[in-house]
């Protein structure tokens, strides 16, 4: 599903570069639930942004579904984000003036899906995630866990091949975080979607099928777990 070949990234200037990623090579299989683990400053968020075509590598190649990503084309990058990728953020990134179903339907709007089709699909997705009675609520009227469920529904509404979750439990209390993690596992199993989660929490990473630890921009461990 996802292949990174010798990916490198630095910021700063050509005269004084600040290396962030050093020769990262990773393969993620179709349907895998994988964590990218590392402390702040390790390079994990930069890596996620590159995989999500929100940033570009300085060297190396990334393939999605066996096709190399063309980072030089803004049109192609937008197409990939809309049609093949789903995003979940720590701060939810919900639009405050839109209801739950309207937030979930946004990717379909950008894709050009007619409104009569958008609403039923958004309602069905929210119902599947246990929010059937909250579809007309604004984000401010929802709990943190409910808002993250809305964000997950939005990420899944376009049937993405890969969902990228950036610290998805970081804004939640421990009980709600555990619930969201369990929901992610269920969605991975039921939808068959490949899920890549960035986290600094070793306990969350160890609950995934696989955890890849990054330190100072380098992969230092790659652990797969049975079941």
C-alpha atoms as a PDB file:
ATOM      1  CA  UNK A   1       0.000   0.000   0.000  1.00  0.00           C
ATOM      2  CA  UNK A   2       2.697   2.474   1.047  1.00  0.00           C
ATOM      3  CA  UNK A   3       6.413   2.381   0.276  1.00  0.00           C
ATOM      4  CA  UNK A   4       9.070   4.895   1.275  1.00  0.00           C
ATOM      5  CA  UNK A   5      12.456   4.561  -0.424  1.00  0.00           C
ATOM      6  CA  UNK A   6      15.412   6.420   1.134  1.00  0.00           C
ATOM      7  CA  UNK A   7      13.369   9.508   2.037  1.00  0.00           C
ATOM      8  CA  UNK A   8      15.303  12.512   3.313  1.00  0.00           C
ATOM      9  CA  UNK A   9      14.180  15.957   4.456  1.00  0.00           C
ATOM     10  CA  UNK A  10      15.970  19.028   5.777  1.00  0.00           C
ATOM     11  CA  UNK A  11      14.886  22.560   6.607  1.00  0.00           C
ATOM     12  CA  UNK A  12      16.952  25.718   6.919  1.00  0.00           C
ATOM     13  CA  UNK A  13      19.023  26.921   3.970  1.00  0.00           C
ATOM     14  CA  UNK A  14      21.216  25.124   1.428  1.00  0.00           C
ATOM     15  CA  UNK A  15      24.218  26.639   3.186  1.00  0.00           C
ATOM     16  CA  UNK A  16      23.010  25.641   6.650  1.00  0.00           C
ATOM     17  CA  UNK A  17      20.568  22.744   6.337  1.00  0.00           C
ATOM     18  CA  UNK A  18      18.865  21.301   9.403  1.00  0.00           C
ATOM     19  CA  UNK A  19      18.364  17.573   8.729  1.00  0.00           C
ATOM     20  CA  UNK A  20      15.017  16.182   9.927  1.00  0.00           C
ATOM     21  CA  UNK A  21      14.671  12.814   8.174  1.00  0.00           C
ATOM     22  CA  UNK A  22      17.640  10.572   7.348  1.00  0.00           C
ATOM     23  CA  UNK A  23      17.263   7.848   4.705  1.00  0.00           C
ATOM     24  CA  UNK A  24      13.831   6.555   5.777  1.00  0.00           C
ATOM     25  CA  UNK A  25      12.728   3.325   4.047  1.00  0.00           C
ATOM     26  CA  UNK A  26       9.426   1.756   5.167  1.00  0.00           C
ATOM     27  CA  UNK A  27       6.853  -0.577   3.602  1.00  0.00           C
ATOM     28  CA  UNK A  28       3.288  -0.583   4.987  1.00  0.00           C
ATOM     29  CA  UNK A  29       1.028  -3.410   3.821  1.00  0.00           C
ATOM     30  CA  UNK A  30      -2.570  -3.060   2.718  1.00  0.00           C
ATOM     31  CA  UNK A  31      -4.897  -3.178   5.749  1.00  0.00           C
ATOM     32  CA  UNK A  32      -2.135  -2.715   8.323  1.00  0.00           C
ATOM     33  CA  UNK A  33      -2.654  -0.696  11.542  1.00  0.00           C
ATOM     34  CA  UNK A  34       0.724   0.878  12.114  1.00  0.00           C
ATOM     35  CA  UNK A  35       2.015   3.415  14.647  1.00  0.00           C
ATOM     36  CA  UNK A  36       4.846   5.869  14.061  1.00  0.00           C
ATOM     37  CA  UNK A  37       6.284   6.388  17.538  1.00  0.00           C
ATOM     38  CA  UNK A  38       8.658   9.105  18.663  1.00  0.00           C
ATOM     39  CA  UNK A  39       9.135  12.068  21.007  1.00  0.00           C
ATOM     40  CA  UNK A  40       8.651  15.684  20.004  1.00  0.00           C
ATOM     41  CA  UNK A  41      11.274  16.672  17.457  1.00  0.00           C
ATOM     42  CA  UNK A  42      11.928  13.128  16.286  1.00  0.00           C
ATOM     43  CA  UNK A  43      10.684  13.818  12.749  1.00  0.00           C
ATOM     44  CA  UNK A  44       7.496  11.758  12.945  1.00  0.00           C
ATOM     45  CA  UNK A  45       5.125  14.645  12.096  1.00  0.00           C
ATOM     46  CA  UNK A  46       7.333  15.724   9.191  1.00  0.00           C
ATOM     47  CA  UNK A  47       7.195  12.162   7.919  1.00  0.00           C
ATOM     48  CA  UNK A  48       3.410  12.102   8.208  1.00  0.00           C
ATOM     49  CA  UNK A  49       3.129  15.403   6.325  1.00  0.00           C
ATOM     50  CA  UNK A  50       5.236  14.018   3.493  1.00  0.00           C
ATOM     51  CA  UNK A  51       3.201  10.809   3.307  1.00  0.00           C
ATOM     52  CA  UNK A  52       0.045  12.963   3.279  1.00  0.00           C
ATOM     53  CA  UNK A  53       1.445  15.021   0.374  1.00  0.00           C
ATOM     54  CA  UNK A  54       1.326  18.150   2.548  1.00  0.00           C
ATOM     55  CA  UNK A  55       5.103  18.513   2.252  1.00  0.00           C
ATOM     56  CA  UNK A  56       7.722  17.074  -0.096  1.00  0.00           C
ATOM     57  CA  UNK A  57      10.924  15.107   0.469  1.00  0.00           C
ATOM     58  CA  UNK A  58      14.298  16.474  -0.571  1.00  0.00           C
ATOM     59  CA  UNK A  59      15.367  13.035  -1.757  1.00  0.00           C
ATOM     60  CA  UNK A  60      13.885   9.579  -2.090  1.00  0.00           C
ATOM     61  CA  UNK A  61      10.629   8.264  -3.454  1.00  0.00           C
ATOM     62  CA  UNK A  62       7.194   7.491  -2.025  1.00  0.00           C
ATOM     63  CA  UNK A  63       4.734   5.101  -3.657  1.00  0.00           C
ATOM     64  CA  UNK A  64       1.044   4.856  -2.827  1.00  0.00           C
ATOM     65  CA  UNK A  65      -0.717   1.803  -4.163  1.00  0.00           C
ATOM     66  CA  UNK A  66       2.341   1.004  -6.268  1.00  0.00           C
ATOM     67  CA  UNK A  67       2.335   4.426  -7.994  1.00  0.00           C
ATOM     68  CA  UNK A  68       5.097   6.985  -7.283  1.00  0.00           C
ATOM     69  CA  UNK A  69       3.775  10.278  -5.883  1.00  0.00           C
ATOM     70  CA  UNK A  70       4.443  13.306  -8.075  1.00  0.00           C
ATOM     71  CA  UNK A  71       5.253  15.989  -5.511  1.00  0.00           C
ATOM     72  CA  UNK A  72       5.840  18.544  -8.253  1.00  0.00           C
ATOM     73  CA  UNK A  73       2.178  18.701  -9.270  1.00  0.00           C
ATOM     74  CA  UNK A  74      -0.170  20.618  -6.965  1.00  0.00           C
ATOM     75  CA  UNK A  75      -3.159  19.253  -8.887  1.00  0.00           C
ATOM     76  CA  UNK A  76      -2.040  15.661  -8.410  1.00  0.00           C
ATOM     77  CA  UNK A  77      -1.297  16.283  -4.728  1.00  0.00           C
ATOM     78  CA  UNK A  78      -4.822  17.645  -4.203  1.00  0.00           C
ATOM     79  CA  UNK A  79      -6.310  14.656  -6.038  1.00  0.00           C
ATOM     80  CA  UNK A  80      -4.408  12.187  -3.878  1.00  0.00           C
ATOM     81  CA  UNK A  81      -5.444  13.903  -0.657  1.00  0.00           C
ATOM     82  CA  UNK A  82      -9.091  13.978  -1.703  1.00  0.00           C
ATOM     83  CA  UNK A  83      -9.458  10.533  -3.254  1.00  0.00           C
ATOM     84  CA  UNK A  84      -6.912   8.225  -1.627  1.00  0.00           C
ATOM     85  CA  UNK A  85      -6.129   9.722   1.787  1.00  0.00           C
ATOM     86  CA  UNK A  86      -8.082  10.459   4.946  1.00  0.00           C
ATOM     87  CA  UNK A  87      -6.794  12.683   7.749  1.00  0.00           C
ATOM     88  CA  UNK A  88      -7.481  12.751  11.507  1.00  0.00           C
ATOM     89  CA  UNK A  89      -5.917  15.476  13.645  1.00  0.00           C
ATOM     90  CA  UNK A  90      -5.331  15.954  17.362  1.00  0.00           C
ATOM     91  CA  UNK A  91      -7.373  19.175  17.359  1.00  0.00           C
ATOM     92  CA  UNK A  92     -10.166  17.614  15.244  1.00  0.00           C
ATOM     93  CA  UNK A  93     -10.114  20.456  12.648  1.00  0.00           C
ATOM     94  CA  UNK A  94     -13.903  20.629  12.459  1.00  0.00           C
ATOM     95  CA  UNK A  95     -15.524  23.777  11.078  1.00  0.00           C
ATOM     96  CA  UNK A  96     -17.377  25.342  14.034  1.00  0.00           C
ATOM     97  CA  UNK A  97     -20.341  26.700  12.070  1.00  0.00           C
ATOM     98  CA  UNK A  98     -21.126  23.413  10.351  1.00  0.00           C
ATOM     99  CA  UNK A  99     -23.105  20.574  11.900  1.00  0.00           C
ATOM    100  CA  UNK A 100     -21.634  17.121  12.367  1.00  0.00           C
ATOM    101  CA  UNK A 101     -23.042  15.792   9.113  1.00  0.00           C
ATOM    102  CA  UNK A 102     -21.963  18.883   7.172  1.00  0.00           C
ATOM    103  CA  UNK A 103     -18.393  18.485   8.440  1.00  0.00           C
ATOM    104  CA  UNK A 104     -18.383  14.829   7.439  1.00  0.00           C
ATOM    105  CA  UNK A 105     -19.754  15.643   3.976  1.00  0.00           C
ATOM    106  CA  UNK A 106     -17.028  18.206   3.163  1.00  0.00           C
ATOM    107  CA  UNK A 107     -14.691  15.799   1.313  1.00  0.00           C
ATOM    108  CA  UNK A 108     -17.627  14.766  -0.887  1.00  0.00           C
ATOM    109  CA  UNK A 109     -18.360  18.433  -1.628  1.00  0.00           C
ATOM    110  CA  UNK A 110     -14.767  18.966  -2.749  1.00  0.00           C
ATOM    111  CA  UNK A 111     -15.046  15.855  -4.885  1.00  0.00           C
ATOM    112  CA  UNK A 112     -18.133  17.245  -6.629  1.00  0.00           C
ATOM    113  CA  UNK A 113     -20.621  14.733  -5.209  1.00  0.00           C
ATOM    114  CA  UNK A 114     -24.207  16.100  -5.519  1.00  0.00           C
ATOM    115  CA  UNK A 115     -25.806  17.320  -2.269  1.00  0.00           C
ATOM    116  CA  UNK A 116     -28.686  14.776  -2.421  1.00  0.00           C
ATOM    117  CA  UNK A 117     -26.025  12.039  -2.260  1.00  0.00           C
ATOM    118  CA  UNK A 118     -23.714  13.753   0.241  1.00  0.00           C
ATOM    119  CA  UNK A 119     -26.143  14.032   3.127  1.00  0.00           C
ATOM    120  CA  UNK A 120     -27.376  10.400   3.211  1.00  0.00           C
ATOM    121  CA  UNK A 121     -23.789   9.121   3.045  1.00  0.00           C
ATOM    122  CA  UNK A 122     -22.694  11.424   5.864  1.00  0.00           C
ATOM    123  CA  UNK A 123     -25.677  10.441   8.018  1.00  0.00           C
ATOM    124  CA  UNK A 124     -24.999   6.747   7.433  1.00  0.00           C
ATOM    125  CA  UNK A 125     -21.325   7.118   8.335  1.00  0.00           C
ATOM    126  CA  UNK A 126     -22.101   8.996  11.550  1.00  0.00           C
ATOM    127  CA  UNK A 127     -24.679   6.395  12.494  1.00  0.00           C
ATOM    128  CA  UNK A 128     -22.107   3.663  11.935  1.00  0.00           C
ATOM    129  CA  UNK A 129     -19.775   5.452  14.345  1.00  0.00           C
ATOM    130  CA  UNK A 130     -22.459   5.751  17.013  1.00  0.00           C
ATOM    131  CA  UNK A 131     -23.444   9.381  16.431  1.00  0.00           C
ATOM    132  CA  UNK A 132     -26.811   8.905  14.793  1.00  0.00           C
ATOM    133  CA  UNK A 133     -28.454  11.188  17.375  1.00  0.00           C
ATOM    134  CA  UNK A 134     -25.836  13.951  17.049  1.00  0.00           C
ATOM    135  CA  UNK A 135     -25.818  14.553  13.302  1.00  0.00           C
ATOM    136  CA  UNK A 136     -27.336  18.058  13.554  1.00  0.00           C
ATOM    137  CA  UNK A 137     -25.164  19.216  16.473  1.00  0.00           C
ATOM    138  CA  UNK A 138     -22.382  21.777  16.081  1.00  0.00           C
ATOM    139  CA  UNK A 139     -18.869  20.800  17.227  1.00  0.00           C
ATOM    140  CA  UNK A 140     -19.193  22.987  20.342  1.00  0.00           C
ATOM    141  CA  UNK A 141     -22.191  20.900  21.377  1.00  0.00           C
ATOM    142  CA  UNK A 142     -20.216  17.647  21.277  1.00  0.00           C
ATOM    143  CA  UNK A 143     -17.774  16.082  23.721  1.00  0.00           C
ATOM    144  CA  UNK A 144     -14.122  15.594  22.762  1.00  0.00           C
ATOM    145  CA  UNK A 145     -14.693  11.933  22.014  1.00  0.00           C
ATOM    146  CA  UNK A 146     -17.741  12.731  19.873  1.00  0.00           C
ATOM    147  CA  UNK A 147     -15.805  15.356  17.929  1.00  0.00           C
ATOM    148  CA  UNK A 148     -13.056  12.858  17.223  1.00  0.00           C
ATOM    149  CA  UNK A 149     -15.680  10.400  15.974  1.00  0.00           C
ATOM    150  CA  UNK A 150     -16.956  13.098  13.615  1.00  0.00           C
ATOM    151  CA  UNK A 151     -13.373  13.628  12.429  1.00  0.00           C
ATOM    152  CA  UNK A 152     -12.998   9.876  11.865  1.00  0.00           C
ATOM    153  CA  UNK A 153     -16.270   9.782   9.921  1.00  0.00           C
ATOM    154  CA  UNK A 154     -15.008  12.637   7.748  1.00  0.00           C
ATOM    155  CA  UNK A 155     -11.735  10.788   7.132  1.00  0.00           C
ATOM    156  CA  UNK A 156     -13.579   7.631   6.051  1.00  0.00           C
ATOM    157  CA  UNK A 157     -16.433   9.142   4.022  1.00  0.00           C
ATOM    158  CA  UNK A 158     -14.490   9.114   0.748  1.00  0.00           C
ATOM    159  CA  UNK A 159     -13.421   5.444   1.054  1.00  0.00           C
ATOM    160  CA  UNK A 160      -9.699   6.281   1.336  1.00  0.00           C
ATOM    161  CA  UNK A 161      -6.965   3.713   0.836  1.00  0.00           C
ATOM    162  CA  UNK A 162      -4.909   5.164   3.685  1.00  0.00           C
ATOM    163  CA  UNK A 163      -5.950   7.071   6.820  1.00  0.00           C
ATOM    164  CA  UNK A 164      -3.314   9.223   8.536  1.00  0.00           C
ATOM    165  CA  UNK A 165      -3.950  10.024  12.197  1.00  0.00           C
ATOM    166  CA  UNK A 166      -1.745  12.663  13.856  1.00  0.00           C
ATOM    167  CA  UNK A 167      -1.863  12.211  17.668  1.00  0.00           C
ATOM    168  CA  UNK A 168      -5.618  11.401  17.437  1.00  0.00           C
ATOM    169  CA  UNK A 169      -5.968  10.926  21.216  1.00  0.00           C
ATOM    170  CA  UNK A 170      -3.708  13.796  22.268  1.00  0.00           C
ATOM    171  CA  UNK A 171      -6.581  16.129  23.228  1.00  0.00           C
ATOM    172  CA  UNK A 172      -8.583  13.474  25.073  1.00  0.00           C
ATOM    173  CA  UNK A 173      -8.651  12.138  28.627  1.00  0.00           C
ATOM    174  CA  UNK A 174      -7.333   8.627  29.191  1.00  0.00           C
ATOM    175  CA  UNK A 175     -10.732   6.920  29.188  1.00  0.00           C
ATOM    176  CA  UNK A 176     -11.878   8.623  25.990  1.00  0.00           C
ATOM    177  CA  UNK A 177      -8.473   8.029  24.403  1.00  0.00           C
ATOM    178  CA  UNK A 178      -8.831   4.301  25.046  1.00  0.00           C
ATOM    179  CA  UNK A 179     -12.296   4.386  23.452  1.00  0.00           C
ATOM    180  CA  UNK A 180     -10.963   6.161  20.358  1.00  0.00           C
ATOM    181  CA  UNK A 181      -8.111   3.662  20.051  1.00  0.00           C
ATOM    182  CA  UNK A 182     -10.594   0.803  20.226  1.00  0.00           C
ATOM    183  CA  UNK A 183     -12.695   2.555  17.581  1.00  0.00           C
ATOM    184  CA  UNK A 184      -9.658   2.896  15.321  1.00  0.00           C
ATOM    185  CA  UNK A 185      -8.972  -0.828  15.650  1.00  0.00           C
ATOM    186  CA  UNK A 186     -12.600  -1.594  14.843  1.00  0.00           C
ATOM    187  CA  UNK A 187     -12.573   0.668  11.777  1.00  0.00           C
ATOM    188  CA  UNK A 188      -9.318  -0.894  10.609  1.00  0.00           C
ATOM    189  CA  UNK A 189     -10.915  -4.319  10.892  1.00  0.00           C
ATOM    190  CA  UNK A 190     -14.394  -3.511   9.557  1.00  0.00           C
ATOM    191  CA  UNK A 191     -13.435  -1.148   6.734  1.00  0.00           C
ATOM    192  CA  UNK A 192     -10.154  -2.833   5.875  1.00  0.00           C
ATOM    193  CA  UNK A 193      -8.533   0.582   5.607  1.00  0.00           C
ATOM    194  CA  UNK A 194      -4.784   0.959   6.092  1.00  0.00           C
ATOM    195  CA  UNK A 195      -4.197   3.139   9.147  1.00  0.00           C
ATOM    196  CA  UNK A 196      -1.017   5.007  10.047  1.00  0.00           C
ATOM    197  CA  UNK A 197      -1.038   6.721  13.443  1.00  0.00           C
ATOM    198  CA  UNK A 198       1.603   9.127  14.752  1.00  0.00           C
ATOM    199  CA  UNK A 199       1.961   9.155  18.528  1.00  0.00           C
ATOM    200  CA  UNK A 200       4.432   9.898  21.308  1.00  0.00           C
ATOM    201  CA  UNK A 201       2.589   7.457  23.597  1.00  0.00           C
ATOM    202  CA  UNK A 202       4.366   4.093  23.738  1.00  0.00           C
ATOM    203  CA  UNK A 203       1.297   2.402  25.224  1.00  0.00           C
ATOM    204  CA  UNK A 204      -0.845   3.441  22.248  1.00  0.00           C
ATOM    205  CA  UNK A 205       1.841   2.356  19.807  1.00  0.00           C
ATOM    206  CA  UNK A 206       2.126  -1.061  21.436  1.00  0.00           C
ATOM    207  CA  UNK A 207      -1.640  -1.545  21.004  1.00  0.00           C
ATOM    208  CA  UNK A 208      -1.212  -1.376  17.205  1.00  0.00           C
ATOM    209  CA  UNK A 209      -0.365  -4.302  14.953  1.00  0.00           C
ATOM    210  CA  UNK A 210       2.988  -2.686  14.249  1.00  0.00           C
ATOM    211  CA  UNK A 211       5.033   0.162  15.690  1.00  0.00           C
ATOM    212  CA  UNK A 212       7.895   1.960  13.969  1.00  0.00           C
ATOM    213  CA  UNK A 213       9.981   4.079  16.301  1.00  0.00           C
ATOM    214  CA  UNK A 214      11.756   7.167  15.009  1.00  0.00           C
ATOM    215  CA  UNK A 215      14.470   9.034  16.875  1.00  0.00           C
ATOM    216  CA  UNK A 216      16.404  11.999  15.493  1.00  0.00           C
ATOM    217  CA  UNK A 217      14.960  11.366  12.047  1.00  0.00           C
ATOM    218  CA  UNK A 218      16.008   7.721  11.855  1.00  0.00           C
ATOM    219  CA  UNK A 219      14.103   4.450  12.221  1.00  0.00           C
ATOM    220  CA  UNK A 220      15.475   2.798  15.362  1.00  0.00           C
ATOM    221  CA  UNK A 221      13.007  -0.097  15.677  1.00  0.00           C
ATOM    222  CA  UNK A 222      10.223  -1.788  13.714  1.00  0.00           C
ATOM    223  CA  UNK A 223       8.075  -4.246  15.676  1.00  0.00           C
ATOM    224  CA  UNK A 224       5.202  -6.342  14.347  1.00  0.00           C
ATOM    225  CA  UNK A 225       2.751  -8.044  16.690  1.00  0.00           C
ATOM    226  CA  UNK A 226       0.490 -11.030  16.156  1.00  0.00           C
ATOM    227  CA  UNK A 227      -3.252 -10.403  16.371  1.00  0.00           C
END
